[in-house]
Amino acid sequence: MTQLASFGPLCPLTHGGQQYLCYICPKDGALKIYVTNAIDLWSAEITKEALEEQKYLTGVLSTEDYCSKFREAFDHGTTSLLLQDSRASLSIKEDTWTTTFDLFKQPVSETKAQVQSLLFSLVERANSLEKRLQAAEGAAALAASGSPDKSLSKTQRLLMSGLDGRKGGRGGLPTATVRRLPGESLINPGFKRKKAATGVDFEEA
């Protein structure tokens, strides 16, 4: 079975209200371009010589970079598909690069084999991505459990820090107890409380 890891970009397309999938597969130094709606299949081959010419026109050196051009064109929405009987025309435009590929409809046996290969390869990649995601989540959970303070929000940490400061004073040292003298005012330390008024003393007057 063809491994999906050897495939180039897989790009969705829409034509006539129907969805299609375009993908590239390296083959003996050349490239095969496929377009399918999971029922029918169209394909075209870019020979080694044609591939070298295409890389020169697009200004890239490797086949991987050339395949990336396809992904960029699909991501930017500058790719169009036209179906005519047993032929499909795939037009790609990216920056100053514009090209059109003529793809031809494949027999039922080839279509079934390619769609089956693509399906199981997609399942294989999905399983691989799921395992990597679970591993990443497990590592994140382990890191969080090793440092409980990291799981607290910034607001919670500031609140706890403020409470600790109140309990322990500056720098975590105990707060010194201030002794008040008898009669000293609670509101204004250092000043004695005034005696409450008891009325007018006529004898002193």
N, C-alpha and C. Protein backbone atom coordinates (compact mmCIF):
# COMPACT_ATOMS: atom_id res chain seq x y z
N MET A 1 0.84 -1.19 0.00
CA MET A 1 0.00 0.00 0.00
C MET A 1 0.88 1.24 0.00
N THR A 2 0.48 2.25 -0.76
CA THR A 2 1.22 3.50 -0.79
C THR A 2 1.10 4.21 0.54
N GLN A 3 2.22 4.65 1.12
CA GLN A 3 2.19 5.34 2.39
C GLN A 3 1.89 6.82 2.16
N LEU A 4 1.04 7.37 3.01
CA LEU A 4 0.66 8.76 2.85
C LEU A 4 1.84 9.68 3.10
N ALA A 5 2.83 9.23 3.87
CA ALA A 5 3.98 10.07 4.16
C ALA A 5 4.72 10.43 2.88
N SER A 6 4.60 9.60 1.82
CA SER A 6 5.29 9.87 0.57
C SER A 6 4.45 10.74 -0.36
N PHE A 7 3.24 11.07 0.08
CA PHE A 7 2.37 11.91 -0.74
C PHE A 7 2.78 13.37 -0.58
N GLY A 8 2.48 14.14 -1.60
CA GLY A 8 2.64 15.57 -1.48
C GLY A 8 1.41 16.15 -0.81
N PRO A 9 1.14 17.43 -0.99
CA PRO A 9 -0.02 18.06 -0.34
C PRO A 9 -1.34 17.48 -0.84
N LEU A 10 -2.30 17.37 0.09
CA LEU A 10 -3.66 16.97 -0.25
C LEU A 10 -4.53 18.21 -0.17
N CYS A 11 -5.15 18.57 -1.25
CA CYS A 11 -5.84 19.85 -1.33
C CYS A 11 -7.28 19.66 -1.79
N PRO A 12 -8.24 20.27 -1.09
CA PRO A 12 -9.65 20.17 -1.49
C PRO A 12 -9.97 21.13 -2.64
N LEU A 13 -10.89 20.72 -3.46
CA LEU A 13 -11.34 21.53 -4.59
C LEU A 13 -12.86 21.45 -4.67
N THR A 14 -13.46 22.46 -5.28
CA THR A 14 -14.90 22.47 -5.49
C THR A 14 -15.18 22.79 -6.96
N HIS A 15 -16.05 21.99 -7.55
CA HIS A 15 -16.43 22.22 -8.94
C HIS A 15 -17.88 21.78 -9.13
N GLY A 16 -18.68 22.71 -9.64
CA GLY A 16 -20.08 22.37 -9.89
C GLY A 16 -20.84 21.97 -8.65
N GLY A 17 -20.47 22.53 -7.50
CA GLY A 17 -21.15 22.19 -6.25
C GLY A 17 -20.69 20.88 -5.64
N GLN A 18 -19.74 20.20 -6.26
CA GLN A 18 -19.22 18.94 -5.74
C GLN A 18 -17.80 19.13 -5.21
N GLN A 19 -17.42 18.30 -4.26
CA GLN A 19 -16.10 18.37 -3.67
C GLN A 19 -15.16 17.35 -4.30
N TYR A 20 -13.92 17.78 -4.50
CA TYR A 20 -12.88 16.92 -5.06
C TYR A 20 -11.62 17.04 -4.19
N LEU A 21 -10.77 16.07 -4.34
CA LEU A 21 -9.50 16.09 -3.62
C LEU A 21 -8.37 15.93 -4.62
N CYS A 22 -7.42 16.85 -4.55
CA CYS A 22 -6.25 16.78 -5.42
C CYS A 22 -5.05 16.41 -4.55
N TYR A 23 -4.25 15.47 -5.00
CA TYR A 23 -3.05 15.10 -4.27
C TYR A 23 -1.96 14.67 -5.23
N ILE A 24 -0.72 14.70 -4.72
CA ILE A 24 0.46 14.40 -5.54
C ILE A 24 1.20 13.23 -4.93
N CYS A 25 1.70 12.38 -5.77
CA CYS A 25 2.44 11.21 -5.30
C CYS A 25 3.72 11.06 -6.11
N PRO A 26 4.90 11.10 -5.44
CA PRO A 26 6.16 10.87 -6.16
C PRO A 26 6.21 9.45 -6.73
N LYS A 27 6.80 9.33 -7.90
CA LYS A 27 6.90 8.01 -8.52
C LYS A 27 8.15 7.96 -9.40
N ASP A 28 9.17 7.25 -8.90
CA ASP A 28 10.41 7.02 -9.67
C ASP A 28 11.02 8.32 -10.19
N GLY A 29 11.10 9.31 -9.32
CA GLY A 29 11.70 10.59 -9.73
C GLY A 29 10.74 11.51 -10.44
N ALA A 30 9.56 11.02 -10.75
CA ALA A 30 8.53 11.85 -11.40
C ALA A 30 7.43 12.14 -10.39
N LEU A 31 6.37 12.77 -10.86
CA LEU A 31 5.23 13.07 -10.00
C LEU A 31 3.94 12.64 -10.68
N LYS A 32 3.02 12.11 -9.87
CA LYS A 32 1.68 11.80 -10.35
C LYS A 32 0.70 12.73 -9.66
N ILE A 33 -0.14 13.38 -10.46
CA ILE A 33 -1.17 14.26 -9.93
C ILE A 33 -2.51 13.55 -10.06
N TYR A 34 -3.25 13.52 -8.94
CA TYR A 34 -4.55 12.86 -8.93
C TYR A 34 -5.63 13.84 -8.50
N VAL A 35 -6.81 13.69 -9.09
CA VAL A 35 -8.01 14.40 -8.67
C VAL A 35 -9.13 13.38 -8.58
N THR A 36 -9.81 13.34 -7.44
CA THR A 36 -10.87 12.35 -7.26
C THR A 36 -12.00 12.92 -6.43
N ASN A 37 -13.20 12.40 -6.69
CA ASN A 37 -14.35 12.71 -5.86
C ASN A 37 -14.80 11.47 -5.09
N ALA A 38 -13.87 10.52 -4.94
CA ALA A 38 -14.09 9.24 -4.26
C ALA A 38 -14.92 8.27 -5.10
N ILE A 39 -15.32 8.71 -6.29
CA ILE A 39 -16.05 7.83 -7.22
C ILE A 39 -15.27 7.69 -8.52
N ASP A 40 -14.87 8.82 -9.07
CA ASP A 40 -14.07 8.84 -10.28
C ASP A 40 -12.67 9.36 -9.97
N LEU A 41 -11.73 9.07 -10.86
CA LEU A 41 -10.35 9.47 -10.65
C LEU A 41 -9.75 9.97 -11.96
N TRP A 42 -9.09 11.12 -11.89
CA TRP A 42 -8.36 11.67 -13.02
C TRP A 42 -6.90 11.80 -12.61
N SER A 43 -6.00 11.55 -13.54
CA SER A 43 -4.58 11.63 -13.18
C SER A 43 -3.74 12.10 -14.35
N ALA A 44 -2.55 12.61 -14.00
CA ALA A 44 -1.58 13.04 -15.00
C ALA A 44 -0.20 12.81 -14.41
N GLU A 45 0.78 12.57 -15.27
CA GLU A 45 2.14 12.32 -14.81
C GLU A 45 3.06 13.44 -15.26
N ILE A 46 3.86 13.94 -14.33
CA ILE A 46 4.91 14.91 -14.66
C ILE A 46 6.22 14.14 -14.73
N THR A 47 6.74 13.98 -15.91
CA THR A 47 7.96 13.20 -16.09
C THR A 47 9.15 13.91 -15.43
N LYS A 48 10.27 13.20 -15.33
CA LYS A 48 11.48 13.77 -14.73
C LYS A 48 11.90 15.03 -15.46
N GLU A 49 11.87 14.96 -16.80
CA GLU A 49 12.27 16.11 -17.59
C GLU A 49 11.32 17.29 -17.38
N ALA A 50 10.02 17.00 -17.39
CA ALA A 50 9.04 18.06 -17.20
C ALA A 50 9.12 18.63 -15.78
N LEU A 51 9.43 17.76 -14.81
CA LEU A 51 9.55 18.22 -13.42
C LEU A 51 10.73 19.18 -13.26
N GLU A 52 11.86 18.85 -13.91
CA GLU A 52 13.02 19.73 -13.84
C GLU A 52 12.70 21.09 -14.46
N GLU A 53 11.94 21.07 -15.55
CA GLU A 53 11.57 22.32 -16.19
C GLU A 53 10.63 23.14 -15.30
N GLN A 54 9.70 22.43 -14.65
CA GLN A 54 8.77 23.12 -13.76
C GLN A 54 9.49 23.73 -12.56
N LYS A 55 10.47 23.02 -12.01
CA LYS A 55 11.24 23.55 -10.88
C LYS A 55 12.03 24.78 -11.30
N TYR A 56 12.54 24.75 -12.51
CA TYR A 56 13.28 25.91 -13.01
C TYR A 56 12.35 27.12 -13.17
N LEU A 57 11.15 26.89 -13.70
CA LEU A 57 10.21 27.98 -13.92
C LEU A 57 9.71 28.57 -12.60
N THR A 58 9.60 27.73 -11.59
CA THR A 58 9.10 28.21 -10.29
C THR A 58 10.21 28.69 -9.38
N GLY A 59 11.46 28.51 -9.78
CA GLY A 59 12.58 28.99 -9.00
C GLY A 59 12.88 28.19 -7.76
N VAL A 60 12.57 26.88 -7.78
CA VAL A 60 12.86 26.02 -6.63
C VAL A 60 13.87 24.96 -7.05
N LEU A 61 14.52 24.35 -6.05
CA LEU A 61 15.56 23.37 -6.35
C LEU A 61 15.13 21.93 -6.07
N SER A 62 14.24 21.75 -5.09
CA SER A 62 13.87 20.40 -4.71
C SER A 62 12.42 20.09 -5.10
N THR A 63 12.13 18.79 -5.15
CA THR A 63 10.76 18.36 -5.45
C THR A 63 9.82 18.73 -4.32
N GLU A 64 10.33 18.69 -3.07
CA GLU A 64 9.52 19.05 -1.92
C GLU A 64 9.07 20.51 -2.01
N ASP A 65 9.99 21.39 -2.41
CA ASP A 65 9.64 22.80 -2.55
C ASP A 65 8.65 23.02 -3.68
N TYR A 66 8.79 22.22 -4.72
CA TYR A 66 7.85 22.33 -5.85
C TYR A 66 6.44 21.92 -5.39
N CYS A 67 6.38 20.85 -4.60
CA CYS A 67 5.07 20.42 -4.08
C CYS A 67 4.48 21.47 -3.15
N SER A 68 5.35 22.18 -2.42
CA SER A 68 4.87 23.24 -1.53
C SER A 68 4.19 24.35 -2.32
N LYS A 69 4.63 24.55 -3.57
CA LYS A 69 4.00 25.54 -4.43
C LYS A 69 2.53 25.20 -4.66
N PHE A 70 2.26 23.92 -4.78
CA PHE A 70 0.88 23.48 -4.95
C PHE A 70 0.05 23.85 -3.72
N ARG A 71 0.60 23.54 -2.53
CA ARG A 71 -0.13 23.83 -1.30
C ARG A 71 -0.40 25.34 -1.17
N GLU A 72 0.59 26.15 -1.48
CA GLU A 72 0.41 27.60 -1.38
C GLU A 72 -0.67 28.09 -2.33
N ALA A 73 -0.69 27.52 -3.53
CA ALA A 73 -1.70 27.92 -4.52
C ALA A 73 -3.09 27.53 -4.04
N PHE A 74 -3.23 26.35 -3.46
CA PHE A 74 -4.53 25.92 -2.95
C PHE A 74 -4.94 26.75 -1.74
N ASP A 75 -3.98 27.05 -0.86
CA ASP A 75 -4.28 27.84 0.32
C ASP A 75 -4.74 29.24 -0.05
N HIS A 76 -4.17 29.78 -1.12
CA HIS A 76 -4.51 31.14 -1.55
C HIS A 76 -5.75 31.18 -2.46
N GLY A 77 -6.29 30.01 -2.76
CA GLY A 77 -7.50 29.97 -3.58
C GLY A 77 -7.29 30.35 -5.02
N THR A 78 -6.09 30.12 -5.54
CA THR A 78 -5.79 30.50 -6.93
C THR A 78 -5.74 29.28 -7.84
N THR A 79 -6.44 28.22 -7.45
CA THR A 79 -6.46 26.98 -8.24
C THR A 79 -7.88 26.72 -8.71
N SER A 80 -8.02 26.28 -9.95
CA SER A 80 -9.34 26.01 -10.50
C SER A 80 -9.35 24.66 -11.21
N LEU A 81 -10.51 24.03 -11.22
CA LEU A 81 -10.69 22.72 -11.84
C LEU A 81 -11.81 22.80 -12.86
N LEU A 82 -11.57 22.23 -14.04
CA LEU A 82 -12.57 22.19 -15.09
C LEU A 82 -12.68 20.76 -15.61
N LEU A 83 -13.90 20.21 -15.58
CA LEU A 83 -14.13 18.84 -16.04
C LEU A 83 -14.85 18.86 -17.38
N GLN A 84 -14.31 18.07 -18.32
CA GLN A 84 -14.91 17.96 -19.64
C GLN A 84 -14.85 16.49 -20.07
N ASP A 85 -16.00 15.82 -19.95
CA ASP A 85 -16.09 14.40 -20.30
C ASP A 85 -15.03 13.59 -19.55
N SER A 86 -14.08 13.02 -20.26
CA SER A 86 -13.09 12.16 -19.63
C SER A 86 -11.80 12.92 -19.28
N ARG A 87 -11.82 14.24 -19.43
CA ARG A 87 -10.62 15.03 -19.18
C ARG A 87 -10.91 16.08 -18.10
N ALA A 88 -9.88 16.37 -17.31
CA ALA A 88 -9.98 17.42 -16.30
C ALA A 88 -8.79 18.35 -16.47
N SER A 89 -9.03 19.65 -16.36
CA SER A 89 -7.97 20.64 -16.47
C SER A 89 -7.77 21.29 -15.11
N LEU A 90 -6.55 21.19 -14.60
CA LEU A 90 -6.21 21.76 -13.30
C LEU A 90 -5.28 22.95 -13.54
N SER A 91 -5.78 24.15 -13.23
CA SER A 91 -5.00 25.37 -13.43
C SER A 91 -4.49 25.86 -12.08
N ILE A 92 -3.19 26.13 -12.03
CA ILE A 92 -2.55 26.55 -10.79
C ILE A 92 -1.82 27.87 -11.03
N LYS A 93 -2.02 28.80 -10.10
CA LYS A 93 -1.35 30.09 -10.19
C LYS A 93 -0.84 30.49 -8.82
N GLU A 94 0.45 30.78 -8.72
CA GLU A 94 1.06 31.21 -7.47
C GLU A 94 2.13 32.23 -7.79
N ASP A 95 1.93 33.45 -7.35
CA ASP A 95 2.83 34.56 -7.66
C ASP A 95 2.92 34.72 -9.19
N THR A 96 4.12 34.55 -9.74
CA THR A 96 4.30 34.70 -11.19
C THR A 96 4.24 33.37 -11.92
N TRP A 97 3.96 32.29 -11.18
CA TRP A 97 3.93 30.97 -11.77
C TRP A 97 2.50 30.58 -12.12
N THR A 98 2.28 30.24 -13.37
CA THR A 98 0.96 29.79 -13.83
C THR A 98 1.15 28.59 -14.74
N THR A 99 0.38 27.53 -14.47
CA THR A 99 0.48 26.34 -15.31
C THR A 99 -0.84 25.59 -15.28
N THR A 100 -1.07 24.80 -16.30
CA THR A 100 -2.29 24.00 -16.40
C THR A 100 -1.92 22.56 -16.73
N PHE A 101 -2.52 21.65 -16.00
CA PHE A 101 -2.28 20.22 -16.22
C PHE A 101 -3.55 19.57 -16.76
N ASP A 102 -3.38 18.73 -17.75
CA ASP A 102 -4.49 17.96 -18.30
C ASP A 102 -4.47 16.57 -17.68
N LEU A 103 -5.54 16.24 -16.97
CA LEU A 103 -5.67 14.94 -16.31
C LEU A 103 -6.71 14.11 -17.05
N PHE A 104 -6.48 12.80 -17.11
CA PHE A 104 -7.38 11.91 -17.83
C PHE A 104 -8.03 10.91 -16.88
N LYS A 105 -9.29 10.62 -17.16
CA LYS A 105 -10.07 9.74 -16.32
C LYS A 105 -9.53 8.31 -16.38
N GLN A 106 -9.39 7.69 -15.22
CA GLN A 106 -8.82 6.36 -15.11
C GLN A 106 -9.92 5.30 -15.07
N PRO A 107 -9.59 4.07 -15.47
CA PRO A 107 -10.58 2.99 -15.42
C PRO A 107 -11.01 2.68 -13.99
N VAL A 108 -12.10 1.95 -13.86
CA VAL A 108 -12.68 1.66 -12.53
C VAL A 108 -11.68 0.93 -11.64
N SER A 109 -10.94 -0.02 -12.18
CA SER A 109 -10.00 -0.79 -11.36
C SER A 109 -8.92 0.10 -10.75
N GLU A 110 -8.37 1.01 -11.55
CA GLU A 110 -7.36 1.94 -11.05
C GLU A 110 -7.96 2.91 -10.03
N THR A 111 -9.18 3.35 -10.28
CA THR A 111 -9.85 4.27 -9.36
C THR A 111 -10.04 3.62 -8.00
N LYS A 112 -10.54 2.38 -7.97
CA LYS A 112 -10.78 1.69 -6.70
C LYS A 112 -9.47 1.49 -5.93
N ALA A 113 -8.42 1.12 -6.63
CA ALA A 113 -7.13 0.88 -5.97
C ALA A 113 -6.58 2.17 -5.36
N GLN A 114 -6.66 3.27 -6.09
CA GLN A 114 -6.13 4.53 -5.60
C GLN A 114 -6.95 5.09 -4.45
N VAL A 115 -8.26 5.03 -4.56
CA VAL A 115 -9.12 5.55 -3.50
C VAL A 115 -8.95 4.72 -2.23
N GLN A 116 -8.83 3.40 -2.39
CA GLN A 116 -8.61 2.55 -1.22
C GLN A 116 -7.28 2.85 -0.55
N SER A 117 -6.25 3.01 -1.36
CA SER A 117 -4.93 3.35 -0.82
C SER A 117 -4.96 4.68 -0.09
N LEU A 118 -5.63 5.67 -0.68
CA LEU A 118 -5.72 6.98 -0.07
C LEU A 118 -6.49 6.92 1.24
N LEU A 119 -7.58 6.17 1.28
CA LEU A 119 -8.42 6.07 2.46
C LEU A 119 -7.64 5.50 3.64
N PHE A 120 -6.98 4.35 3.43
CA PHE A 120 -6.25 3.72 4.53
C PHE A 120 -5.03 4.54 4.93
N SER A 121 -4.44 5.23 4.00
CA SER A 121 -3.31 6.09 4.33
C SER A 121 -3.75 7.27 5.18
N LEU A 122 -4.94 7.81 4.88
CA LEU A 122 -5.47 8.89 5.68
C LEU A 122 -5.77 8.42 7.10
N VAL A 123 -6.30 7.21 7.23
CA VAL A 123 -6.56 6.64 8.56
C VAL A 123 -5.25 6.46 9.32
N GLU A 124 -4.22 6.01 8.61
CA GLU A 124 -2.91 5.82 9.24
C GLU A 124 -2.36 7.14 9.75
N ARG A 125 -2.47 8.18 8.94
CA ARG A 125 -1.96 9.48 9.38
C ARG A 125 -2.80 10.02 10.54
N ALA A 126 -4.12 9.84 10.50
CA ALA A 126 -4.97 10.32 11.59
C ALA A 126 -4.60 9.65 12.90
N ASN A 127 -4.34 8.33 12.86
CA ASN A 127 -3.93 7.61 14.07
C ASN A 127 -2.60 8.13 14.59
N SER A 128 -1.68 8.41 13.66
CA SER A 128 -0.37 8.91 14.06
C SER A 128 -0.48 10.28 14.72
N LEU A 129 -1.30 11.15 14.14
CA LEU A 129 -1.49 12.47 14.72
C LEU A 129 -2.18 12.39 16.08
N GLU A 130 -3.12 11.45 16.23
CA GLU A 130 -3.82 11.29 17.51
C GLU A 130 -2.86 10.84 18.60
N LYS A 131 -1.94 9.92 18.27
CA LYS A 131 -0.96 9.47 19.25
C LYS A 131 -0.03 10.59 19.65
N ARG A 132 0.39 11.40 18.68
CA ARG A 132 1.28 12.52 18.99
C ARG A 132 0.57 13.55 19.86
N LEU A 133 -0.72 13.77 19.60
CA LEU A 133 -1.49 14.71 20.40
C LEU A 133 -1.64 14.21 21.83
N GLN A 134 -1.93 12.91 22.00
CA GLN A 134 -2.06 12.34 23.33
C GLN A 134 -0.74 12.42 24.09
N ALA A 135 0.37 12.17 23.40
CA ALA A 135 1.68 12.26 24.04
C ALA A 135 1.96 13.69 24.49
N ALA A 136 1.61 14.66 23.65
CA ALA A 136 1.83 16.07 23.99
C ALA A 136 0.97 16.48 25.17
N GLU A 137 -0.29 16.02 25.20
CA GLU A 137 -1.18 16.36 26.31
C GLU A 137 -0.68 15.71 27.60
N GLY A 138 -0.17 14.46 27.51
CA GLY A 138 0.37 13.80 28.68
C GLY A 138 1.58 14.52 29.24
N ALA A 139 2.46 14.98 28.35
CA ALA A 139 3.65 15.71 28.79
C ALA A 139 3.26 17.03 29.45
N ALA A 140 2.24 17.71 28.90
CA ALA A 140 1.79 18.97 29.47
C ALA A 140 1.17 18.76 30.85
N ALA A 141 0.38 17.67 30.99
CA ALA A 141 -0.24 17.36 32.28
C ALA A 141 0.81 17.02 33.33
N LEU A 142 1.85 16.28 32.91
CA LEU A 142 2.93 15.92 33.83
C LEU A 142 3.69 17.15 34.29
N ALA A 143 3.95 18.07 33.37
CA ALA A 143 4.66 19.29 33.72
C ALA A 143 3.84 20.14 34.68
N ALA A 144 2.52 20.17 34.46
CA ALA A 144 1.66 20.96 35.34
C ALA A 144 1.57 20.35 36.73
N SER A 145 1.51 19.02 36.82
CA SER A 145 1.43 18.37 38.13
C SER A 145 2.72 18.49 38.90
N GLY A 146 3.84 18.64 38.23
CA GLY A 146 5.13 18.78 38.90
C GLY A 146 5.32 20.15 39.48
N SER A 147 4.57 21.13 39.03
CA SER A 147 4.67 22.50 39.53
C SER A 147 3.27 23.05 39.72
N PRO A 148 2.64 22.78 40.90
CA PRO A 148 1.25 23.18 41.12
C PRO A 148 1.02 24.67 40.93
N ASP A 149 2.03 25.49 41.23
CA ASP A 149 1.85 26.93 41.13
C ASP A 149 1.57 27.35 39.70
N LYS A 150 2.07 26.55 38.72
CA LYS A 150 1.86 26.90 37.31
C LYS A 150 0.42 26.74 36.90
N SER A 151 -0.33 25.88 37.62
CA SER A 151 -1.72 25.66 37.26
C SER A 151 -2.63 26.75 37.79
N LEU A 152 -2.10 27.63 38.66
CA LEU A 152 -2.91 28.71 39.18
C LEU A 152 -2.90 29.88 38.21
N SER A 153 -4.01 30.61 38.22
CA SER A 153 -4.07 31.79 37.36
C SER A 153 -3.23 32.90 37.96
N LYS A 154 -2.94 33.90 37.16
CA LYS A 154 -2.14 35.03 37.63
C LYS A 154 -2.83 35.74 38.77
N THR A 155 -4.14 35.89 38.68
CA THR A 155 -4.88 36.56 39.74
C THR A 155 -4.80 35.77 41.05
N GLN A 156 -4.93 34.43 40.98
CA GLN A 156 -4.84 33.61 42.17
C GLN A 156 -3.47 33.72 42.82
N ARG A 157 -2.42 33.73 42.00
CA ARG A 157 -1.07 33.82 42.55
C ARG A 157 -0.84 35.16 43.23
N LEU A 158 -1.36 36.25 42.63
CA LEU A 158 -1.21 37.56 43.25
C LEU A 158 -1.97 37.65 44.56
N LEU A 159 -3.18 37.06 44.59
CA LEU A 159 -3.98 37.08 45.82
C LEU A 159 -3.29 36.31 46.93
N MET A 160 -2.77 35.12 46.61
CA MET A 160 -2.09 34.32 47.62
C MET A 160 -0.83 35.02 48.10
N SER A 161 -0.13 35.69 47.19
CA SER A 161 1.08 36.41 47.57
C SER A 161 0.75 37.55 48.51
N GLY A 162 -0.39 38.24 48.25
CA GLY A 162 -0.80 39.34 49.12
C GLY A 162 -1.17 38.86 50.50
N LEU A 163 -1.87 37.70 50.56
CA LEU A 163 -2.25 37.15 51.86
C LEU A 163 -1.03 36.72 52.65
N ASP A 164 -0.06 36.10 51.98
CA ASP A 164 1.17 35.67 52.65
C ASP A 164 1.93 36.87 53.18
N GLY A 165 1.91 37.99 52.41
CA GLY A 165 2.61 39.19 52.85
C GLY A 165 1.98 39.78 54.09
N ARG A 166 0.64 39.69 54.16
CA ARG A 166 -0.03 40.23 55.33
C ARG A 166 0.26 39.39 56.57
N LYS A 167 0.37 38.07 56.37
CA LYS A 167 0.62 37.19 57.50
C LYS A 167 2.05 37.30 58.00
N GLY A 168 2.98 37.40 57.09
CA GLY A 168 4.37 37.34 57.50
C GLY A 168 5.09 38.65 57.49
N GLY A 169 4.45 39.72 57.03
CA GLY A 169 5.13 41.00 56.98
C GLY A 169 6.07 41.06 55.81
N ARG A 170 6.85 42.09 55.71
CA ARG A 170 7.77 42.27 54.61
C ARG A 170 8.87 41.22 54.66
N GLY A 171 9.10 40.62 53.45
CA GLY A 171 10.17 39.63 53.36
C GLY A 171 9.88 38.37 54.13
N GLY A 172 8.63 38.15 54.54
CA GLY A 172 8.27 36.94 55.24
C GLY A 172 8.60 37.00 56.73
N LEU A 173 9.10 38.14 57.26
CA LEU A 173 9.44 38.26 58.66
C LEU A 173 8.19 38.60 59.46
N PRO A 174 8.14 38.19 60.75
CA PRO A 174 6.97 38.49 61.57
C PRO A 174 6.81 39.99 61.75
N THR A 175 5.59 40.45 61.76
CA THR A 175 5.31 41.87 61.93
C THR A 175 5.49 42.25 63.39
N ALA A 176 6.23 43.33 63.65
CA ALA A 176 6.49 43.76 65.02
C ALA A 176 5.21 44.29 65.66
N THR A 177 5.01 43.94 66.95
CA THR A 177 3.83 44.40 67.68
C THR A 177 4.08 45.78 68.26
N VAL A 178 3.23 46.74 67.96
CA VAL A 178 3.37 48.11 68.45
C VAL A 178 2.66 48.26 69.78
N ARG A 179 3.40 48.65 70.81
CA ARG A 179 2.80 48.85 72.14
C ARG A 179 2.30 50.27 72.27
N ARG A 180 1.10 50.41 72.81
CA ARG A 180 0.50 51.73 73.02
C ARG A 180 0.57 52.11 74.48
N LEU A 181 0.83 53.36 74.68
CA LEU A 181 0.86 53.88 76.05
C LEU A 181 -0.55 54.06 76.58
N PRO A 182 -0.71 54.02 77.88
CA PRO A 182 -2.06 54.23 78.45
C PRO A 182 -2.63 55.57 78.04
N GLY A 183 -3.85 55.55 77.59
CA GLY A 183 -4.51 56.79 77.18
C GLY A 183 -4.18 57.23 75.78
N GLU A 184 -3.36 56.48 75.06
CA GLU A 184 -2.96 56.88 73.71
C GLU A 184 -4.11 56.64 72.73
N SER A 185 -4.26 57.52 71.76
CA SER A 185 -5.33 57.41 70.79
C SER A 185 -5.09 56.25 69.85
N LEU A 186 -6.15 55.49 69.55
CA LEU A 186 -6.04 54.38 68.60
C LEU A 186 -5.98 54.89 67.16
N ILE A 187 -6.63 56.03 66.93
CA ILE A 187 -6.68 56.57 65.57
C ILE A 187 -5.39 57.29 65.23
N ASN A 188 -4.87 58.09 66.16
CA ASN A 188 -3.64 58.83 65.95
C ASN A 188 -2.62 58.41 66.99
N PRO A 189 -1.86 57.36 66.73
CA PRO A 189 -0.86 56.92 67.70
C PRO A 189 0.11 58.04 68.02
N GLY A 190 0.50 58.16 69.31
CA GLY A 190 1.41 59.22 69.74
C GLY A 190 0.70 60.39 70.37
N PHE A 191 -0.61 60.46 70.18
CA PHE A 191 -1.41 61.52 70.80
C PHE A 191 -2.35 60.92 71.81
N LYS A 192 -2.46 61.58 72.91
CA LYS A 192 -3.35 61.09 73.96
C LYS A 192 -4.80 61.44 73.62
N ARG A 193 -5.66 60.57 74.09
CA ARG A 193 -7.08 60.81 73.86
C ARG A 193 -7.54 61.99 74.69
N LYS A 194 -8.39 62.79 74.13
CA LYS A 194 -8.98 63.89 74.88
C LYS A 194 -10.08 63.36 75.79
N LYS A 195 -10.16 63.93 76.93
CA LYS A 195 -11.20 63.51 77.86
C LYS A 195 -12.56 63.98 77.37
N ALA A 196 -13.52 63.18 77.63
CA ALA A 196 -14.87 63.56 77.22
C ALA A 196 -15.34 64.76 78.01
N ALA A 197 -16.09 65.64 77.34
CA ALA A 197 -16.61 66.85 78.01
C ALA A 197 -17.59 66.48 79.09
N THR A 198 -17.46 67.11 80.27
CA THR A 198 -18.34 66.81 81.40
C THR A 198 -19.24 67.98 81.78
N GLY A 199 -19.21 69.06 80.97
CA GLY A 199 -20.02 70.23 81.26
C GLY A 199 -19.17 71.40 81.77
N VAL A 200 -19.78 72.46 82.18
CA VAL A 200 -19.10 73.68 82.62
C VAL A 200 -18.93 73.65 84.14
N ASP A 201 -17.70 73.90 84.58
CA ASP A 201 -17.40 73.93 86.02
C ASP A 201 -17.52 75.38 86.48
N PHE A 202 -18.66 75.78 87.14
CA PHE A 202 -18.90 77.14 87.54
C PHE A 202 -17.99 77.57 88.67
N GLU A 203 -17.54 76.59 89.46
CA GLU A 203 -16.69 76.97 90.58
C GLU A 203 -15.35 77.47 90.11
N GLU A 204 -14.80 76.86 89.06
CA GLU A 204 -13.52 77.31 88.53
C GLU A 204 -13.67 78.66 87.85
N ALA A 205 -14.85 78.91 87.25
CA ALA A 205 -15.07 80.19 86.60
C ALA A 205 -15.10 81.29 87.62
